[in-house]
Amino acid sequence: MKKIVGKAFVLGDDIDTDQIIPAEHLVYSLDKPEEKKFYGRFALSGVPDSVSGLPEGGIPFTQPDKFESDFQIIVAGKNFGCGSSREHAPFALQVAGIKAVIAPGYARIFYRNAIDGGFLIPYECFESLNGTIKTGDELEIDTDLDLLHHKASDKQYPLRPLGDVADIVEAGGIFEYARKNKMF
């Protein structure tokens, strides 16, 4: 695949889909460009500062006047994406500019929705990194080697290999993958 380079946004454990994209923001069209950009603006707007792992005073995920975040990689705790079966959650993160989420574990439905829609790469780490990496740290993910490089410490962390997931996300989702591979 490629390398994903960007700034980290660090979150705690059990970030649910209502925190990723609160229900009151599900009123925008997923197809109309002038409306769907609001999913990026309101992504992670339901996460309270007390669980976000942010420095005191907080750093917003998306600036109030922007539709895309300054962050490209989320580093979260366990059970990321728990809650309701909301396909809007990985979609909102993608619209905000997130390329990958790194967490020790995911809610099954979020993991599946992220892959099926080709929205972002849900990488699993072998150890919790949300206490080591700080919001704003520069990261590089080598998707060929399944390796995370934390530039501030110059440490590397192995990530669980993606297997076929990488091909599905790269194709743009399960249906594009099936078309590309002449499965229907």
Foldseek 3Di string as FASTA:
>chain_A
DFKDKWFEFEFEEDAALCQQANPVLPPFDCPDPVGVLVLQLRGNVNPDPVGRLADPVGDDQCPNVGSAGRTAEYQYEEAPHDDDLDLSRLVSNLSNRHAEYEYQYYDVSNQQSCQQQLSHHYWHFVDRCSVPGHGGFMWMAGLVQQWIAGPVVRDIGHIDHPPCSVVSSVLRHDVSSCVVVVVD
